[in-house]
Amino acid sequence: MYQEEPHIHQGRIEVICGSMFSGKTEELIRRLKRARIARQKVEIYKPSIDTRYSDEDVVSHDSNSIASTPVDSARSILLLASEAQVVGIDEAQFFDASLVDVCNELARNGKRVIVAGLDMDFQGVPFGPMPALCAVAEQVTKVHAICVRCGGLAYVSHRKVADEQIVLLGEQTEYEPLCRCCYEKTQKTKPSPCSCGGECEEEGGKSLKI
């Protein structure tokens, strides 16, 4: 379980990652609100292309929200966050690789940087700057959605619509969280033995208890 660090003025990077519907933004908002309760100066940023729930606010799938500043590039955060003690960044996967250098510089300047984003795209491939951010972070929290087909831990955000572009904003009509076994079945490949601990659907309408 994540624990707050006692040295609030020590620069550090925290990453919250996982699939869609796993509670990444919810956890980001929770940490940022706690920082505000501690009377720290908090600034929150998100990529300007993310307008699903709000043009400006960071909003979770459960409708919790916190005011943020949309930015077109990661470099803009360095200029805008100069006075902040805590910097929150949501949907980090949509930024380019420069976000890693930006977060490192913010941490070197004594700021607590909390980043949330998808660790993999809909094809199960590491997404944007997230792998590098996980490598340089002091704290990495992996959160999990529930597989909608078997109830196990979700592995990937499966895209339900026929669109091959990597960046496609969407919600439950476009994506569903699946475990590895259920995801492999959607790809029409022979699944490996499922270890998700749930009930995976088999062809012909039968289910097999794993």
C-alpha atoms as a PDB file:
ATOM      1  CA  MET A   1       0.000   0.000   0.000  1.00  0.00           C
ATOM      2  CA  TYR A   2       1.227   3.482  -0.843  1.00  0.00           C
ATOM      3  CA  GLN A   3       2.397   5.527   2.153  1.00  0.00           C
ATOM      4  CA  GLU A   4       2.949   9.270   2.253  1.00  0.00           C
ATOM      5  CA  GLU A   5       6.575  10.292   2.554  1.00  0.00           C
ATOM      6  CA  PRO A   6       7.514  12.306   5.647  1.00  0.00           C
ATOM      7  CA  HIS A   7      10.047  14.488   3.778  1.00  0.00           C
ATOM      8  CA  ILE A   8       7.567  16.594   1.847  1.00  0.00           C
ATOM      9  CA  HIS A   9      10.167  19.035   0.493  1.00  0.00           C
ATOM     10  CA  GLN A  10      12.448  16.386  -0.983  1.00  0.00           C
ATOM     11  CA  GLY A  11      12.207  16.220  -4.748  1.00  0.00           C
ATOM     12  CA  ARG A  12      10.862  12.932  -6.034  1.00  0.00           C
ATOM     13  CA  ILE A  13       8.852  11.315  -8.829  1.00  0.00           C
ATOM     14  CA  GLU A  14       5.845   9.085  -8.174  1.00  0.00           C
ATOM     15  CA  VAL A  15       4.170   7.173 -11.015  1.00  0.00           C
ATOM     16  CA  ILE A  16       0.654   5.732 -10.924  1.00  0.00           C
ATOM     17  CA  CYS A  17       0.092   3.386 -13.873  1.00  0.00           C
ATOM     18  CA  GLY A  18      -2.288   0.722 -15.108  1.00  0.00           C
ATOM     19  CA  SER A  19      -5.025   0.069 -17.645  1.00  0.00           C
ATOM     20  CA  MET A  20      -8.129   2.162 -18.234  1.00  0.00           C
ATOM     21  CA  PHE A  21     -10.749   2.042 -15.450  1.00  0.00           C
ATOM     22  CA  SER A  22      -8.115   1.032 -12.884  1.00  0.00           C
ATOM     23  CA  GLY A  23      -8.356   4.137 -10.684  1.00  0.00           C
ATOM     24  CA  LYS A  24      -5.173   5.953 -11.788  1.00  0.00           C
ATOM     25  CA  THR A  25      -6.736   9.410 -11.890  1.00  0.00           C
ATOM     26  CA  GLU A  26      -8.681   8.686  -8.702  1.00  0.00           C
ATOM     27  CA  GLU A  27      -5.409   7.972  -6.874  1.00  0.00           C
ATOM     28  CA  LEU A  28      -3.731  11.023  -8.414  1.00  0.00           C
ATOM     29  CA  ILE A  29      -6.567  13.270  -7.225  1.00  0.00           C
ATOM     30  CA  ARG A  30      -6.431  11.705  -3.749  1.00  0.00           C
ATOM     31  CA  ARG A  31      -2.721  12.432  -3.342  1.00  0.00           C
ATOM     32  CA  LEU A  32      -3.039  15.975  -4.662  1.00  0.00           C
ATOM     33  CA  LYS A  33      -5.956  16.798  -2.368  1.00  0.00           C
ATOM     34  CA  ARG A  34      -3.973  15.482   0.612  1.00  0.00           C
ATOM     35  CA  ALA A  35      -1.082  17.737  -0.377  1.00  0.00           C
ATOM     36  CA  ARG A  36      -3.449  20.709  -0.389  1.00  0.00           C
ATOM     37  CA  ILE A  37      -4.755  19.740   3.039  1.00  0.00           C
ATOM     38  CA  ALA A  38      -1.098  19.887   4.140  1.00  0.00           C
ATOM     39  CA  ARG A  39      -1.057  23.472   2.800  1.00  0.00           C
ATOM     40  CA  GLN A  40       1.389  22.733   0.026  1.00  0.00           C
ATOM     41  CA  LYS A  41       1.190  24.661  -3.214  1.00  0.00           C
ATOM     42  CA  VAL A  42      -0.176  22.225  -5.802  1.00  0.00           C
ATOM     43  CA  GLU A  43      -0.362  22.595  -9.577  1.00  0.00           C
ATOM     44  CA  ILE A  44      -1.967  20.041 -11.913  1.00  0.00           C
ATOM     45  CA  TYR A  45      -1.486  19.623 -15.655  1.00  0.00           C
ATOM     46  CA  LYS A  46      -2.942  17.475 -18.392  1.00  0.00           C
ATOM     47  CA  PRO A  47      -2.451  17.280 -22.181  1.00  0.00           C
ATOM     48  CA  SER A  48      -4.737  19.679 -24.000  1.00  0.00           C
ATOM     49  CA  ILE A  49      -6.019  16.903 -26.277  1.00  0.00           C
ATOM     50  CA  ASP A  50      -7.803  15.222 -23.355  1.00  0.00           C
ATOM     51  CA  THR A  51     -11.257  16.826 -23.384  1.00  0.00           C
ATOM     52  CA  ARG A  52     -13.389  13.753 -22.593  1.00  0.00           C
ATOM     53  CA  TYR A  53     -14.984  14.999 -19.363  1.00  0.00           C
ATOM     54  CA  SER A  54     -13.779  18.596 -19.180  1.00  0.00           C
ATOM     55  CA  ASP A  55     -11.634  20.977 -21.197  1.00  0.00           C
ATOM     56  CA  GLU A  56      -9.722  21.990 -18.075  1.00  0.00           C
ATOM     57  CA  ASP A  57     -10.404  19.816 -15.026  1.00  0.00           C
ATOM     58  CA  VAL A  58      -8.816  16.444 -14.365  1.00  0.00           C
ATOM     59  CA  VAL A  59     -11.811  14.123 -13.938  1.00  0.00           C
ATOM     60  CA  SER A  60     -11.840  10.457 -12.936  1.00  0.00           C
ATOM     61  CA  HIS A  61     -14.236   7.841 -14.340  1.00  0.00           C
ATOM     62  CA  ASP A  62     -16.080   8.088 -11.007  1.00  0.00           C
ATOM     63  CA  SER A  63     -16.593  11.832 -11.608  1.00  0.00           C
ATOM     64  CA  ASN A  64     -14.143  13.056  -8.964  1.00  0.00           C
ATOM     65  CA  SER A  65     -12.370  16.134 -10.249  1.00  0.00           C
ATOM     66  CA  ILE A  66      -9.695  18.697  -9.541  1.00  0.00           C
ATOM     67  CA  ALA A  67      -8.872  21.892 -11.416  1.00  0.00           C
ATOM     68  CA  SER A  68      -5.968  21.631 -13.839  1.00  0.00           C
ATOM     69  CA  THR A  69      -4.145  23.495 -16.577  1.00  0.00           C
ATOM     70  CA  PRO A  70      -4.180  21.962 -20.084  1.00  0.00           C
ATOM     71  CA  VAL A  71      -0.809  22.191 -21.846  1.00  0.00           C
ATOM     72  CA  ASP A  72       0.265  21.494 -25.413  1.00  0.00           C
ATOM     73  CA  SER A  73       3.756  20.283 -24.513  1.00  0.00           C
ATOM     74  CA  ALA A  74       5.609  18.874 -21.534  1.00  0.00           C
ATOM     75  CA  ARG A  75       8.108  21.745 -21.629  1.00  0.00           C
ATOM     76  CA  SER A  76       5.322  24.177 -20.777  1.00  0.00           C
ATOM     77  CA  ILE A  77       5.044  22.556 -17.354  1.00  0.00           C
ATOM     78  CA  LEU A  78       8.535  23.748 -16.380  1.00  0.00           C
ATOM     79  CA  LEU A  79       7.536  27.370 -16.870  1.00  0.00           C
ATOM     80  CA  LEU A  80       4.109  27.100 -15.299  1.00  0.00           C
ATOM     81  CA  ALA A  81       5.109  25.080 -12.217  1.00  0.00           C
ATOM     82  CA  SER A  82       8.001  27.211 -11.030  1.00  0.00           C
ATOM     83  CA  GLU A  83       6.280  28.167  -7.755  1.00  0.00           C
ATOM     84  CA  ALA A  84       4.649  24.804  -7.022  1.00  0.00           C
ATOM     85  CA  GLN A  85       5.765  22.383  -4.328  1.00  0.00           C
ATOM     86  CA  VAL A  86       3.729  19.480  -5.723  1.00  0.00           C
ATOM     87  CA  VAL A  87       3.156  18.933  -9.446  1.00  0.00           C
ATOM     88  CA  GLY A  88       0.485  16.552 -10.712  1.00  0.00           C
ATOM     89  CA  ILE A  89       0.417  15.303 -14.314  1.00  0.00           C
ATOM     90  CA  ASP A  90      -2.470  13.231 -15.666  1.00  0.00           C
ATOM     91  CA  GLU A  91      -2.693  11.185 -18.890  1.00  0.00           C
ATOM     92  CA  ALA A  92       1.099  11.259 -19.144  1.00  0.00           C
ATOM     93  CA  GLN A  93       1.124   8.738 -21.992  1.00  0.00           C
ATOM     94  CA  PHE A  94      -0.083  11.456 -24.379  1.00  0.00           C
ATOM     95  CA  PHE A  95       3.062  13.570 -23.884  1.00  0.00           C
ATOM     96  CA  ASP A  96       6.264  12.977 -25.829  1.00  0.00           C
ATOM     97  CA  ALA A  97       9.546  11.638 -24.458  1.00  0.00           C
ATOM     98  CA  SER A  98      10.585  15.087 -23.193  1.00  0.00           C
ATOM     99  CA  LEU A  99       8.245  14.565 -20.230  1.00  0.00           C
ATOM    100  CA  VAL A 100      10.900  12.364 -18.615  1.00  0.00           C
ATOM    101  CA  ASP A 101      13.469  15.179 -18.628  1.00  0.00           C
ATOM    102  CA  VAL A 102      10.824  17.625 -17.420  1.00  0.00           C
ATOM    103  CA  CYS A 103       9.911  15.432 -14.451  1.00  0.00           C
ATOM    104  CA  ASN A 104      13.556  14.861 -13.588  1.00  0.00           C
ATOM    105  CA  GLU A 105      14.244  18.601 -13.636  1.00  0.00           C
ATOM    106  CA  LEU A 106      11.221  19.315 -11.458  1.00  0.00           C
ATOM    107  CA  ALA A 107      12.385  16.700  -8.952  1.00  0.00           C
ATOM    108  CA  ARG A 108      15.926  18.097  -8.965  1.00  0.00           C
ATOM    109  CA  ASN A 109      14.382  21.464  -8.081  1.00  0.00           C
ATOM    110  CA  GLY A 110      12.881  19.931  -4.957  1.00  0.00           C
ATOM    111  CA  LYS A 111       9.358  19.341  -6.215  1.00  0.00           C
ATOM    112  CA  ARG A 112       7.215  16.278  -5.601  1.00  0.00           C
ATOM    113  CA  VAL A 113       6.036  15.117  -9.030  1.00  0.00           C
ATOM    114  CA  ILE A 114       3.047  12.761  -9.229  1.00  0.00           C
ATOM    115  CA  VAL A 115       2.378  11.307 -12.676  1.00  0.00           C
ATOM    116  CA  ALA A 116      -0.560   9.146 -13.766  1.00  0.00           C
ATOM    117  CA  GLY A 117      -0.941   7.386 -17.104  1.00  0.00           C
ATOM    118  CA  LEU A 118      -1.598   4.240 -19.092  1.00  0.00           C
ATOM    119  CA  ASP A 119       1.370   1.883 -19.011  1.00  0.00           C
ATOM    120  CA  MET A 120       0.334   0.115 -22.258  1.00  0.00           C
ATOM    121  CA  ASP A 121      -1.699   0.972 -25.336  1.00  0.00           C
ATOM    122  CA  PHE A 122      -4.617  -1.100 -26.670  1.00  0.00           C
ATOM    123  CA  GLN A 123      -2.171  -3.518 -28.334  1.00  0.00           C
ATOM    124  CA  GLY A 124      -0.333  -4.249 -25.084  1.00  0.00           C
ATOM    125  CA  VAL A 125       2.692  -2.166 -26.102  1.00  0.00           C
ATOM    126  CA  PRO A 126       4.401   0.175 -23.571  1.00  0.00           C
ATOM    127  CA  PHE A 127       2.865   3.600 -24.089  1.00  0.00           C
ATOM    128  CA  GLY A 128       4.813   6.804 -24.791  1.00  0.00           C
ATOM    129  CA  PRO A 129       7.086   8.049 -21.979  1.00  0.00           C
ATOM    130  CA  MET A 130       5.528   5.817 -19.309  1.00  0.00           C
ATOM    131  CA  PRO A 131       8.194   3.034 -19.311  1.00  0.00           C
ATOM    132  CA  ALA A 132      10.995   5.565 -18.870  1.00  0.00           C
ATOM    133  CA  LEU A 133       9.073   7.401 -16.153  1.00  0.00           C
ATOM    134  CA  CYS A 134       8.623   4.150 -14.247  1.00  0.00           C
ATOM    135  CA  ALA A 135      12.383   3.571 -14.512  1.00  0.00           C
ATOM    136  CA  VAL A 136      13.394   6.948 -13.040  1.00  0.00           C
ATOM    137  CA  ALA A 137      10.653   7.230 -10.397  1.00  0.00           C
ATOM    138  CA  GLU A 138      11.270   6.670  -6.708  1.00  0.00           C
ATOM    139  CA  GLN A 139       7.771   5.257  -6.291  1.00  0.00           C
ATOM    140  CA  VAL A 140       5.732   3.270  -8.840  1.00  0.00           C
ATOM    141  CA  THR A 141       2.168   2.213  -8.051  1.00  0.00           C
ATOM    142  CA  LYS A 142       0.521  -0.275 -10.402  1.00  0.00           C
ATOM    143  CA  VAL A 143      -3.254  -0.236 -10.122  1.00  0.00           C
ATOM    144  CA  HIS A 144      -5.584  -2.762 -11.732  1.00  0.00           C
ATOM    145  CA  ALA A 145      -9.030  -2.687 -13.229  1.00  0.00           C
ATOM    146  CA  ILE A 146     -11.224  -5.789 -13.166  1.00  0.00           C
ATOM    147  CA  CYS A 147     -11.538  -7.904 -16.296  1.00  0.00           C
ATOM    148  CA  VAL A 148     -15.127  -7.420 -17.483  1.00  0.00           C
ATOM    149  CA  ARG A 149     -15.300 -10.967 -18.868  1.00  0.00           C
ATOM    150  CA  CYS A 150     -13.976 -13.108 -16.031  1.00  0.00           C
ATOM    151  CA  GLY A 151     -13.512 -10.921 -12.965  1.00  0.00           C
ATOM    152  CA  GLY A 152      -9.729 -11.366 -12.772  1.00  0.00           C
ATOM    153  CA  LEU A 153      -7.133  -8.595 -12.680  1.00  0.00           C
ATOM    154  CA  ALA A 154      -7.128  -6.644 -15.936  1.00  0.00           C
ATOM    155  CA  TYR A 155      -3.964  -6.627 -18.001  1.00  0.00           C
ATOM    156  CA  VAL A 156      -4.756  -4.321 -20.916  1.00  0.00           C
ATOM    157  CA  SER A 157      -7.294  -1.817 -22.242  1.00  0.00           C
ATOM    158  CA  HIS A 158      -8.912  -3.714 -25.106  1.00  0.00           C
ATOM    159  CA  ARG A 159     -10.254  -1.526 -27.905  1.00  0.00           C
ATOM    160  CA  LYS A 160     -13.697  -2.649 -29.036  1.00  0.00           C
ATOM    161  CA  VAL A 161     -13.909  -0.472 -32.151  1.00  0.00           C
ATOM    162  CA  ALA A 162     -12.080  -0.989 -35.450  1.00  0.00           C
ATOM    163  CA  ASP A 163      -9.524   1.807 -35.373  1.00  0.00           C
ATOM    164  CA  GLU A 164      -5.763   1.225 -35.482  1.00  0.00           C
ATOM    165  CA  GLN A 165      -4.537   4.698 -34.512  1.00  0.00           C
ATOM    166  CA  ILE A 166      -2.657   4.606 -31.209  1.00  0.00           C
ATOM    167  CA  VAL A 167      -4.307   7.676 -29.681  1.00  0.00           C
ATOM    168  CA  LEU A 168      -8.085   7.339 -29.648  1.00  0.00           C
ATOM    169  CA  LEU A 169      -9.895   9.046 -26.798  1.00  0.00           C
ATOM    170  CA  GLY A 170     -12.769   6.980 -25.528  1.00  0.00           C
ATOM    171  CA  GLU A 171     -14.658   5.402 -22.659  1.00  0.00           C
ATOM    172  CA  GLN A 172     -16.594   2.199 -22.027  1.00  0.00           C
ATOM    173  CA  THR A 173     -18.125   2.180 -25.504  1.00  0.00           C
ATOM    174  CA  GLU A 174     -14.628   2.067 -27.051  1.00  0.00           C
ATOM    175  CA  TYR A 175     -12.573   0.198 -24.437  1.00  0.00           C
ATOM    176  CA  GLU A 176     -12.896  -2.609 -21.918  1.00  0.00           C
ATOM    177  CA  PRO A 177     -10.362  -3.868 -19.364  1.00  0.00           C
ATOM    178  CA  LEU A 178      -9.371  -7.506 -19.947  1.00  0.00           C
ATOM    179  CA  CYS A 179      -7.038  -9.983 -18.257  1.00  0.00           C
ATOM    180  CA  ARG A 180      -4.250 -11.508 -20.331  1.00  0.00           C
ATOM    181  CA  CYS A 181      -6.178 -14.700 -21.058  1.00  0.00           C
ATOM    182  CA  CYS A 182      -9.390 -12.983 -22.174  1.00  0.00           C
ATOM    183  CA  TYR A 183      -7.411 -10.470 -24.228  1.00  0.00           C
ATOM    184  CA  GLU A 184      -5.606 -13.254 -26.093  1.00  0.00           C
ATOM    185  CA  LYS A 185      -8.950 -14.776 -27.023  1.00  0.00           C
ATOM    186  CA  THR A 186     -10.004 -11.504 -28.646  1.00  0.00           C
ATOM    187  CA  GLN A 187      -6.842 -11.652 -30.756  1.00  0.00           C
ATOM    188  CA  LYS A 188      -7.818 -15.130 -32.021  1.00  0.00           C
ATOM    189  CA  THR A 189      -4.612 -16.675 -30.743  1.00  0.00           C
ATOM    190  CA  LYS A 190      -4.295 -19.792 -28.644  1.00  0.00           C
ATOM    191  CA  PRO A 191      -4.353 -18.567 -25.048  1.00  0.00           C
ATOM    192  CA  SER A 192      -1.792 -19.594 -22.523  1.00  0.00           C
ATOM    193  CA  PRO A 193      -3.101 -21.122 -19.283  1.00  0.00           C
ATOM    194  CA  CYS A 194      -5.014 -18.403 -17.496  1.00  0.00           C
ATOM    195  CA  SER A 195      -3.780 -17.490 -14.038  1.00  0.00           C
ATOM    196  CA  CYS A 196      -6.205 -14.660 -13.398  1.00  0.00           C
ATOM    197  CA  GLY A 197      -8.203 -16.648 -10.883  1.00  0.00           C
ATOM    198  CA  GLY A 198     -11.537 -15.871 -12.533  1.00  0.00           C
ATOM    199  CA  GLU A 199     -13.928 -17.637 -14.834  1.00  0.00           C
ATOM    200  CA  CYS A 200     -12.786 -17.254 -18.433  1.00  0.00           C
ATOM    201  CA  GLU A 201     -15.338 -17.605 -21.202  1.00  0.00           C
ATOM    202  CA  GLU A 202     -14.832 -20.433 -23.678  1.00  0.00           C
ATOM    203  CA  GLU A 203     -16.258 -20.663 -27.168  1.00  0.00           C
ATOM    204  CA  GLY A 204     -19.697 -22.216 -27.368  1.00  0.00           C
ATOM    205  CA  GLY A 205     -21.049 -20.333 -24.359  1.00  0.00           C
ATOM    206  CA  LYS A 206     -19.385 -22.536 -21.721  1.00  0.00           C
ATOM    207  CA  SER A 207     -17.207 -21.296 -18.915  1.00  0.00           C
ATOM    208  CA  LEU A 208     -14.239 -22.931 -17.324  1.00  0.00           C
ATOM    209  CA  LYS A 209     -13.316 -22.410 -13.702  1.00  0.00           C
ATOM    210  CA  ILE A 210      -9.571 -21.780 -13.452  1.00  0.00           C
END
